[in-house]
């Protein structure tokens, strides 16, 4: 997504301006998008939510599937418009991001200098004539700060699931036209193991506010079949269900 992410400073970016996102063409090749627990409820009505394992960091992270094929985003139209009711926050934050400062527990706001949405000519300035941050910078800081807090909550959520052995590999076959597509390489929550947890552990899940995202994730898995329909150029509402043609193994 980012090609030249640079920390924002008033000397280097005194004349820099940012324009509202009018096209999501920059995300047209993303077949997955990271997502946070707080987005699960809204995202589940549109996208499948699954988990990827980061072996280097020894952790899992949730993502939305935007296509069953790498290099393709079924939700970005030819006109660059997002073809769904909800856009993942990680995409909405573009062209800004937070970068952790080396050897410190602090973060710096960065901007993609190569983005089509930043220039010295059009848009809202990042700094005023006195070199002070404008409302744009303050809004970006607040938004990215909120995302950072959500990310910490999401990491704790994933750690809890892994600690309680609730992840299981997804092995799903979906029929799309005359082809059978295998959906693998990611993880989902094992519903049987979840239901077999002790009352004490289940109460802990409730107290941690994990219940809603858990069931949102499980509900979202039916959207995998919708992706197969979208690939064929038809909507899941207008087309006949293909549930009978899908075989799932979540044991």
C-alpha atoms as a PDB file:
ATOM      1  CA  UNK A   1       0.000   0.000   0.000  1.00  0.00           C
ATOM      2  CA  UNK A   2       2.814   2.390   0.894  1.00  0.00           C
ATOM      3  CA  UNK A   3       5.760   3.066  -1.393  1.00  0.00           C
ATOM      4  CA  UNK A   4       7.493   5.994   0.352  1.00  0.00           C
ATOM      5  CA  UNK A   5       6.352   6.198   3.969  1.00  0.00           C
ATOM      6  CA  UNK A   6       8.034   9.177   5.651  1.00  0.00           C
ATOM      7  CA  UNK A   7       7.672  10.693   9.155  1.00  0.00           C
ATOM      8  CA  UNK A   8       5.810  14.003   8.964  1.00  0.00           C
ATOM      9  CA  UNK A   9       7.801  17.080   9.993  1.00  0.00           C
ATOM     10  CA  UNK A  10       7.168  20.773   9.461  1.00  0.00           C
ATOM     11  CA  UNK A  11      10.488  21.428   7.730  1.00  0.00           C
ATOM     12  CA  UNK A  12      10.094  18.767   5.059  1.00  0.00           C
ATOM     13  CA  UNK A  13       6.323  18.947   4.682  1.00  0.00           C
ATOM     14  CA  UNK A  14       5.611  22.641   5.308  1.00  0.00           C
ATOM     15  CA  UNK A  15       3.802  22.965   1.966  1.00  0.00           C
ATOM     16  CA  UNK A  16       2.338  19.484   1.748  1.00  0.00           C
ATOM     17  CA  UNK A  17      -1.408  19.098   1.216  1.00  0.00           C
ATOM     18  CA  UNK A  18      -3.723  16.088   1.289  1.00  0.00           C
ATOM     19  CA  UNK A  19      -6.838  15.403  -0.782  1.00  0.00           C
ATOM     20  CA  UNK A  20      -9.842  13.246   0.206  1.00  0.00           C
ATOM     21  CA  UNK A  21      -9.784   9.736  -1.211  1.00  0.00           C
ATOM     22  CA  UNK A  22     -11.956   9.672  -4.320  1.00  0.00           C
ATOM     23  CA  UNK A  23     -10.718   6.396  -5.730  1.00  0.00           C
ATOM     24  CA  UNK A  24      -9.610   3.142  -4.135  1.00  0.00           C
ATOM     25  CA  UNK A  25      -7.545   2.144  -7.133  1.00  0.00           C
ATOM     26  CA  UNK A  26      -4.508   1.935  -4.819  1.00  0.00           C
ATOM     27  CA  UNK A  27      -6.204  -1.045  -3.110  1.00  0.00           C
ATOM     28  CA  UNK A  28      -7.378  -2.808  -6.271  1.00  0.00           C
ATOM     29  CA  UNK A  29      -4.710  -5.511  -5.987  1.00  0.00           C
ATOM     30  CA  UNK A  30      -5.254  -6.335  -2.301  1.00  0.00           C
ATOM     31  CA  UNK A  31      -6.968  -9.687  -1.813  1.00  0.00           C
ATOM     32  CA  UNK A  32      -6.760  -9.363   1.982  1.00  0.00           C
ATOM     33  CA  UNK A  33      -6.936  -6.470   4.441  1.00  0.00           C
ATOM     34  CA  UNK A  34      -5.997  -6.514   8.111  1.00  0.00           C
ATOM     35  CA  UNK A  35      -8.910  -5.825  10.407  1.00  0.00           C
ATOM     36  CA  UNK A  36      -9.416  -5.180  14.092  1.00  0.00           C
ATOM     37  CA  UNK A  37     -11.844  -6.754  16.533  1.00  0.00           C
ATOM     38  CA  UNK A  38     -13.901  -3.558  16.743  1.00  0.00           C
ATOM     39  CA  UNK A  39     -14.692  -3.888  13.012  1.00  0.00           C
ATOM     40  CA  UNK A  40     -15.862  -7.504  13.092  1.00  0.00           C
ATOM     41  CA  UNK A  41     -19.592  -6.849  13.504  1.00  0.00           C
ATOM     42  CA  UNK A  42     -19.838  -4.484  10.518  1.00  0.00           C
ATOM     43  CA  UNK A  43     -17.327  -6.294   8.328  1.00  0.00           C
ATOM     44  CA  UNK A  44     -18.947  -9.705   8.859  1.00  0.00           C
ATOM     45  CA  UNK A  45     -22.000  -8.682   6.834  1.00  0.00           C
ATOM     46  CA  UNK A  46     -19.789  -8.193   3.780  1.00  0.00           C
ATOM     47  CA  UNK A  47     -16.493 -10.099   4.002  1.00  0.00           C
ATOM     48  CA  UNK A  48     -15.204 -13.412   5.328  1.00  0.00           C
ATOM     49  CA  UNK A  49     -13.015 -12.820   8.398  1.00  0.00           C
ATOM     50  CA  UNK A  50     -10.186 -15.303   8.888  1.00  0.00           C
ATOM     51  CA  UNK A  51      -6.855 -15.392  10.731  1.00  0.00           C
ATOM     52  CA  UNK A  52      -3.316 -15.590   9.380  1.00  0.00           C
ATOM     53  CA  UNK A  53      -0.400 -16.964  11.349  1.00  0.00           C
ATOM     54  CA  UNK A  54       2.727 -14.843  11.662  1.00  0.00           C
ATOM     55  CA  UNK A  55       5.285 -17.460  12.625  1.00  0.00           C
ATOM     56  CA  UNK A  56       8.072 -14.891  12.915  1.00  0.00           C
ATOM     57  CA  UNK A  57       6.113 -12.986  15.575  1.00  0.00           C
ATOM     58  CA  UNK A  58       4.478 -16.139  16.963  1.00  0.00           C
ATOM     59  CA  UNK A  59       1.015 -14.642  16.715  1.00  0.00           C
ATOM     60  CA  UNK A  60      -2.182 -14.610  14.693  1.00  0.00           C
ATOM     61  CA  UNK A  61      -3.899 -11.635  13.112  1.00  0.00           C
ATOM     62  CA  UNK A  62      -7.383 -11.253  11.633  1.00  0.00           C
ATOM     63  CA  UNK A  63      -7.933 -10.253   8.011  1.00  0.00           C
ATOM     64  CA  UNK A  64     -10.852  -9.830   5.660  1.00  0.00           C
ATOM     65  CA  UNK A  65     -10.780 -11.746   2.387  1.00  0.00           C
ATOM     66  CA  UNK A  66     -11.428  -9.391  -0.514  1.00  0.00           C
ATOM     67  CA  UNK A  67     -11.007 -12.136  -3.102  1.00  0.00           C
ATOM     68  CA  UNK A  68     -10.113 -15.814  -3.335  1.00  0.00           C
ATOM     69  CA  UNK A  69      -7.306 -14.951  -5.760  1.00  0.00           C
ATOM     70  CA  UNK A  70      -4.105 -13.064  -4.965  1.00  0.00           C
ATOM     71  CA  UNK A  71      -3.697  -9.722  -6.699  1.00  0.00           C
ATOM     72  CA  UNK A  72      -7.439  -9.133  -7.012  1.00  0.00           C
ATOM     73  CA  UNK A  73      -9.919  -7.053  -5.018  1.00  0.00           C
ATOM     74  CA  UNK A  74     -13.530  -7.827  -5.909  1.00  0.00           C
ATOM     75  CA  UNK A  75     -14.751  -4.750  -4.043  1.00  0.00           C
ATOM     76  CA  UNK A  76     -13.021  -2.064  -6.119  1.00  0.00           C
ATOM     77  CA  UNK A  77     -14.957  -1.234  -9.264  1.00  0.00           C
ATOM     78  CA  UNK A  78     -13.532  -0.085 -12.581  1.00  0.00           C
ATOM     79  CA  UNK A  79     -14.352   3.480 -11.536  1.00  0.00           C
ATOM     80  CA  UNK A  80     -12.298   3.087  -8.348  1.00  0.00           C
ATOM     81  CA  UNK A  81     -15.364   3.134  -6.114  1.00  0.00           C
ATOM     82  CA  UNK A  82     -15.599   0.713  -3.179  1.00  0.00           C
ATOM     83  CA  UNK A  83     -18.413  -1.729  -3.909  1.00  0.00           C
ATOM     84  CA  UNK A  84     -19.502  -2.481  -0.336  1.00  0.00           C
ATOM     85  CA  UNK A  85     -21.075  -0.764   2.656  1.00  0.00           C
ATOM     86  CA  UNK A  86     -17.952  -0.982   4.819  1.00  0.00           C
ATOM     87  CA  UNK A  87     -14.315  -0.165   4.047  1.00  0.00           C
ATOM     88  CA  UNK A  88     -11.691  -1.663   6.422  1.00  0.00           C
ATOM     89  CA  UNK A  89     -10.065   0.977   8.620  1.00  0.00           C
ATOM     90  CA  UNK A  90      -6.555   0.075   7.472  1.00  0.00           C
ATOM     91  CA  UNK A  91      -7.539   1.152   3.960  1.00  0.00           C
ATOM     92  CA  UNK A  92      -9.444   4.255   5.070  1.00  0.00           C
ATOM     93  CA  UNK A  93      -6.358   5.554   6.900  1.00  0.00           C
ATOM     94  CA  UNK A  94      -4.362   5.856   3.654  1.00  0.00           C
ATOM     95  CA  UNK A  95      -2.071   7.741   2.935  1.00  0.00           C
ATOM     96  CA  UNK A  96      -1.196   7.968   6.645  1.00  0.00           C
ATOM     97  CA  UNK A  97       0.216   5.392   9.076  1.00  0.00           C
ATOM     98  CA  UNK A  98       1.981   5.100  12.415  1.00  0.00           C
ATOM     99  CA  UNK A  99       5.575   3.916  12.663  1.00  0.00           C
ATOM    100  CA  UNK A 100       7.137   2.811  15.931  1.00  0.00           C
ATOM    101  CA  UNK A 101      10.190   4.772  16.959  1.00  0.00           C
ATOM    102  CA  UNK A 102      13.317   2.609  17.338  1.00  0.00           C
ATOM    103  CA  UNK A 103      14.086   1.595  20.920  1.00  0.00           C
ATOM    104  CA  UNK A 104      11.080   3.585  22.163  1.00  0.00           C
ATOM    105  CA  UNK A 105       7.482   2.870  23.060  1.00  0.00           C
ATOM    106  CA  UNK A 106       6.228   5.809  21.012  1.00  0.00           C
ATOM    107  CA  UNK A 107       4.920   6.219  17.482  1.00  0.00           C
ATOM    108  CA  UNK A 108       5.361   8.789  14.736  1.00  0.00           C
ATOM    109  CA  UNK A 109       2.734   9.817  12.190  1.00  0.00           C
ATOM    110  CA  UNK A 110       3.956   9.108   8.657  1.00  0.00           C
ATOM    111  CA  UNK A 111       2.668   9.897   5.171  1.00  0.00           C
ATOM    112  CA  UNK A 112       3.182   8.167   1.836  1.00  0.00           C
ATOM    113  CA  UNK A 113       4.932  10.882  -0.171  1.00  0.00           C
ATOM    114  CA  UNK A 114       4.325   8.986  -3.420  1.00  0.00           C
ATOM    115  CA  UNK A 115       0.568   8.879  -2.913  1.00  0.00           C
ATOM    116  CA  UNK A 116      -1.651  10.527  -5.520  1.00  0.00           C
ATOM    117  CA  UNK A 117      -3.519  12.116  -2.619  1.00  0.00           C
ATOM    118  CA  UNK A 118      -0.665  14.301  -1.374  1.00  0.00           C
ATOM    119  CA  UNK A 119       0.921  17.220  -3.217  1.00  0.00           C
ATOM    120  CA  UNK A 120       2.004  20.811  -2.755  1.00  0.00           C
ATOM    121  CA  UNK A 121      -0.789  22.144  -4.982  1.00  0.00           C
ATOM    122  CA  UNK A 122      -4.227  20.714  -4.190  1.00  0.00           C
ATOM    123  CA  UNK A 123      -5.909  19.730  -0.953  1.00  0.00           C
ATOM    124  CA  UNK A 124      -5.862  20.718   2.706  1.00  0.00           C
ATOM    125  CA  UNK A 125      -2.491  21.802   4.148  1.00  0.00           C
ATOM    126  CA  UNK A 126      -0.813  19.800   6.905  1.00  0.00           C
ATOM    127  CA  UNK A 127       0.768  22.960   8.375  1.00  0.00           C
ATOM    128  CA  UNK A 128      -0.344  26.570   8.459  1.00  0.00           C
ATOM    129  CA  UNK A 129       1.730  29.621   7.558  1.00  0.00           C
ATOM    130  CA  UNK A 130       3.246  29.678  11.059  1.00  0.00           C
ATOM    131  CA  UNK A 131       4.432  26.095  10.707  1.00  0.00           C
ATOM    132  CA  UNK A 132       1.856  24.817  13.174  1.00  0.00           C
ATOM    133  CA  UNK A 133      -0.064  21.556  12.565  1.00  0.00           C
ATOM    134  CA  UNK A 134      -3.505  22.137  11.074  1.00  0.00           C
ATOM    135  CA  UNK A 135      -6.735  20.351  11.985  1.00  0.00           C
ATOM    136  CA  UNK A 136      -5.845  17.752   9.367  1.00  0.00           C
ATOM    137  CA  UNK A 137      -2.832  16.612  11.380  1.00  0.00           C
ATOM    138  CA  UNK A 138      -4.792  16.634  14.626  1.00  0.00           C
ATOM    139  CA  UNK A 139      -7.582  14.523  13.113  1.00  0.00           C
ATOM    140  CA  UNK A 140      -5.074  12.060  11.657  1.00  0.00           C
ATOM    141  CA  UNK A 141      -3.288  11.747  15.007  1.00  0.00           C
ATOM    142  CA  UNK A 142      -6.562  11.093  16.804  1.00  0.00           C
ATOM    143  CA  UNK A 143      -7.727   8.528  14.243  1.00  0.00           C
ATOM    144  CA  UNK A 144      -4.419   6.655  14.132  1.00  0.00           C
ATOM    145  CA  UNK A 145      -4.224   6.738  17.926  1.00  0.00           C
ATOM    146  CA  UNK A 146      -7.635   5.091  18.156  1.00  0.00           C
ATOM    147  CA  UNK A 147      -6.552   2.436  15.643  1.00  0.00           C
ATOM    148  CA  UNK A 148      -3.432   1.779  17.712  1.00  0.00           C
ATOM    149  CA  UNK A 149      -5.546   1.106  20.803  1.00  0.00           C
ATOM    150  CA  UNK A 150      -7.816  -1.182  18.788  1.00  0.00           C
ATOM    151  CA  UNK A 151      -4.783  -3.067  17.501  1.00  0.00           C
ATOM    152  CA  UNK A 152      -3.577  -3.704  21.057  1.00  0.00           C
ATOM    153  CA  UNK A 153      -7.019  -5.074  21.978  1.00  0.00           C
ATOM    154  CA  UNK A 154      -7.006  -7.235  18.834  1.00  0.00           C
ATOM    155  CA  UNK A 155      -3.600  -8.708  19.693  1.00  0.00           C
ATOM    156  CA  UNK A 156      -4.857  -9.625  23.156  1.00  0.00           C
ATOM    157  CA  UNK A 157      -7.947 -11.221  21.591  1.00  0.00           C
ATOM    158  CA  UNK A 158      -5.843 -13.347  19.228  1.00  0.00           C
ATOM    159  CA  UNK A 159      -3.451 -14.309  22.022  1.00  0.00           C
ATOM    160  CA  UNK A 160      -6.414 -15.514  24.094  1.00  0.00           C
ATOM    161  CA  UNK A 161      -7.701 -17.658  21.224  1.00  0.00           C
ATOM    162  CA  UNK A 162      -4.286 -19.208  20.607  1.00  0.00           C
ATOM    163  CA  UNK A 163      -3.700 -19.785  24.322  1.00  0.00           C
ATOM    164  CA  UNK A 164      -6.982 -21.699  24.529  1.00  0.00           C
ATOM    165  CA  UNK A 165      -6.352 -23.735  21.362  1.00  0.00           C
ATOM    166  CA  UNK A 166      -9.349 -22.299  19.535  1.00  0.00           C
ATOM    167  CA  UNK A 167      -7.702 -21.873  16.130  1.00  0.00           C
ATOM    168  CA  UNK A 168      -8.022 -24.545  13.483  1.00  0.00           C
ATOM    169  CA  UNK A 169      -6.857 -24.544   9.829  1.00  0.00           C
ATOM    170  CA  UNK A 170      -9.534 -23.667   7.280  1.00  0.00           C
ATOM    171  CA  UNK A 171      -9.983 -26.283   4.592  1.00  0.00           C
ATOM    172  CA  UNK A 172     -12.913 -25.313   2.399  1.00  0.00           C
ATOM    173  CA  UNK A 173     -13.882 -26.185  -1.142  1.00  0.00           C
ATOM    174  CA  UNK A 174     -16.154 -23.804  -3.001  1.00  0.00           C
ATOM    175  CA  UNK A 175     -17.704 -24.448  -6.399  1.00  0.00           C
ATOM    176  CA  UNK A 176     -17.429 -21.465  -8.703  1.00  0.00           C
ATOM    177  CA  UNK A 177     -18.983 -22.137 -12.106  1.00  0.00           C
ATOM    178  CA  UNK A 178     -17.220 -25.271 -13.395  1.00  0.00           C
ATOM    179  CA  UNK A 179     -14.275 -25.027 -11.008  1.00  0.00           C
ATOM    180  CA  UNK A 180     -13.658 -26.196  -7.471  1.00  0.00           C
ATOM    181  CA  UNK A 181     -11.543 -23.720  -5.520  1.00  0.00           C
ATOM    182  CA  UNK A 182      -9.720 -24.807  -2.360  1.00  0.00           C
ATOM    183  CA  UNK A 183      -9.597 -22.162   0.357  1.00  0.00           C
ATOM    184  CA  UNK A 184      -6.641 -22.929   2.622  1.00  0.00           C
ATOM    185  CA  UNK A 185      -3.654 -21.242   4.282  1.00  0.00           C
ATOM    186  CA  UNK A 186      -5.636 -19.465   6.994  1.00  0.00           C
ATOM    187  CA  UNK A 187      -7.275 -20.241  10.306  1.00  0.00           C
ATOM    188  CA  UNK A 188     -10.745 -20.005  11.811  1.00  0.00           C
ATOM    189  CA  UNK A 189     -12.199 -20.524  15.271  1.00  0.00           C
ATOM    190  CA  UNK A 190     -13.167 -24.116  15.993  1.00  0.00           C
ATOM    191  CA  UNK A 191     -16.799 -23.815  17.044  1.00  0.00           C
ATOM    192  CA  UNK A 192     -16.861 -27.236  18.696  1.00  0.00           C
ATOM    193  CA  UNK A 193     -13.911 -26.395  20.940  1.00  0.00           C
ATOM    194  CA  UNK A 194     -15.494 -23.040  21.722  1.00  0.00           C
ATOM    195  CA  UNK A 195     -18.736 -24.699  22.810  1.00  0.00           C
ATOM    196  CA  UNK A 196     -16.837 -27.196  24.961  1.00  0.00           C
ATOM    197  CA  UNK A 197     -15.104 -24.538  27.041  1.00  0.00           C
ATOM    198  CA  UNK A 198     -15.856 -24.557  30.749  1.00  0.00           C
ATOM    199  CA  UNK A 199     -18.462 -22.191  32.180  1.00  0.00           C
ATOM    200  CA  UNK A 200     -15.661 -20.331  33.923  1.00  0.00           C
ATOM    201  CA  UNK A 201     -13.746 -19.809  30.689  1.00  0.00           C
ATOM    202  CA  UNK A 202     -16.906 -18.780  28.841  1.00  0.00           C
ATOM    203  CA  UNK A 203     -17.631 -16.204  31.513  1.00  0.00           C
ATOM    204  CA  UNK A 204     -14.101 -14.895  31.045  1.00  0.00           C
ATOM    205  CA  UNK A 205     -14.813 -14.485  27.321  1.00  0.00           C
ATOM    206  CA  UNK A 206     -17.931 -12.506  28.147  1.00  0.00           C
ATOM    207  CA  UNK A 207     -16.098 -10.272  30.611  1.00  0.00           C
ATOM    208  CA  UNK A 208     -13.369  -9.574  28.071  1.00  0.00           C
ATOM    209  CA  UNK A 209     -16.022  -8.545  25.520  1.00  0.00           C
ATOM    210  CA  UNK A 210     -14.959 -11.239  23.092  1.00  0.00           C
ATOM    211  CA  UNK A 211     -18.372 -12.814  22.467  1.00  0.00           C
ATOM    212  CA  UNK A 212     -19.553 -10.454  19.706  1.00  0.00           C
ATOM    213  CA  UNK A 213     -16.373 -10.707  17.595  1.00  0.00           C
ATOM    214  CA  UNK A 214     -16.243 -14.491  18.081  1.00  0.00           C
ATOM    215  CA  UNK A 215     -19.689 -15.040  16.659  1.00  0.00           C
ATOM    216  CA  UNK A 216     -19.284 -12.318  14.032  1.00  0.00           C
ATOM    217  CA  UNK A 217     -16.253 -14.197  12.745  1.00  0.00           C
ATOM    218  CA  UNK A 218     -18.127 -17.517  12.622  1.00  0.00           C
ATOM    219  CA  UNK A 219     -21.074 -15.902  10.841  1.00  0.00           C
ATOM    220  CA  UNK A 220     -18.793 -14.206   8.326  1.00  0.00           C
ATOM    221  CA  UNK A 221     -17.465 -17.495   6.948  1.00  0.00           C
ATOM    222  CA  UNK A 222     -20.545 -17.876   4.768  1.00  0.00           C
ATOM    223  CA  UNK A 223     -19.287 -14.826   2.852  1.00  0.00           C
ATOM    224  CA  UNK A 224     -16.609 -17.045   1.297  1.00  0.00           C
ATOM    225  CA  UNK A 225     -19.314 -18.415  -0.979  1.00  0.00           C
ATOM    226  CA  UNK A 226     -20.313 -14.842  -1.805  1.00  0.00           C
ATOM    227  CA  UNK A 227     -16.770 -14.178  -3.041  1.00  0.00           C
ATOM    228  CA  UNK A 228     -17.155 -17.086  -5.448  1.00  0.00           C
ATOM    229  CA  UNK A 229     -20.354 -15.504  -6.765  1.00  0.00           C
ATOM    230  CA  UNK A 230     -18.766 -12.065  -7.072  1.00  0.00           C
ATOM    231  CA  UNK A 231     -15.954 -13.627  -9.075  1.00  0.00           C
ATOM    232  CA  UNK A 232     -18.577 -14.724 -11.578  1.00  0.00           C
ATOM    233  CA  UNK A 233     -19.928 -11.192 -11.747  1.00  0.00           C
ATOM    234  CA  UNK A 234     -23.189 -11.865  -9.942  1.00  0.00           C
ATOM    235  CA  UNK A 235     -24.428 -10.686  -6.555  1.00  0.00           C
ATOM    236  CA  UNK A 236     -25.104 -13.035  -3.665  1.00  0.00           C
ATOM    237  CA  UNK A 237     -28.626 -11.634  -3.340  1.00  0.00           C
ATOM    238  CA  UNK A 238     -29.755 -12.078  -6.936  1.00  0.00           C
ATOM    239  CA  UNK A 239     -28.136 -15.464  -7.486  1.00  0.00           C
ATOM    240  CA  UNK A 240     -29.114 -18.881  -6.157  1.00  0.00           C
ATOM    241  CA  UNK A 241     -27.270 -20.049  -3.069  1.00  0.00           C
ATOM    242  CA  UNK A 242     -24.374 -22.409  -3.597  1.00  0.00           C
ATOM    243  CA  UNK A 243     -24.224 -23.674  -0.067  1.00  0.00           C
ATOM    244  CA  UNK A 244     -24.987 -27.197  -1.268  1.00  0.00           C
ATOM    245  CA  UNK A 245     -21.901 -27.078  -3.468  1.00  0.00           C
ATOM    246  CA  UNK A 246     -19.537 -26.060  -0.677  1.00  0.00           C
ATOM    247  CA  UNK A 247     -17.725 -28.583   1.443  1.00  0.00           C
ATOM    248  CA  UNK A 248     -16.195 -27.399   4.684  1.00  0.00           C
ATOM    249  CA  UNK A 249     -13.922 -29.133   7.147  1.00  0.00           C
ATOM    250  CA  UNK A 250     -13.421 -27.148  10.349  1.00  0.00           C
ATOM    251  CA  UNK A 251     -12.596 -30.010  12.674  1.00  0.00           C
END
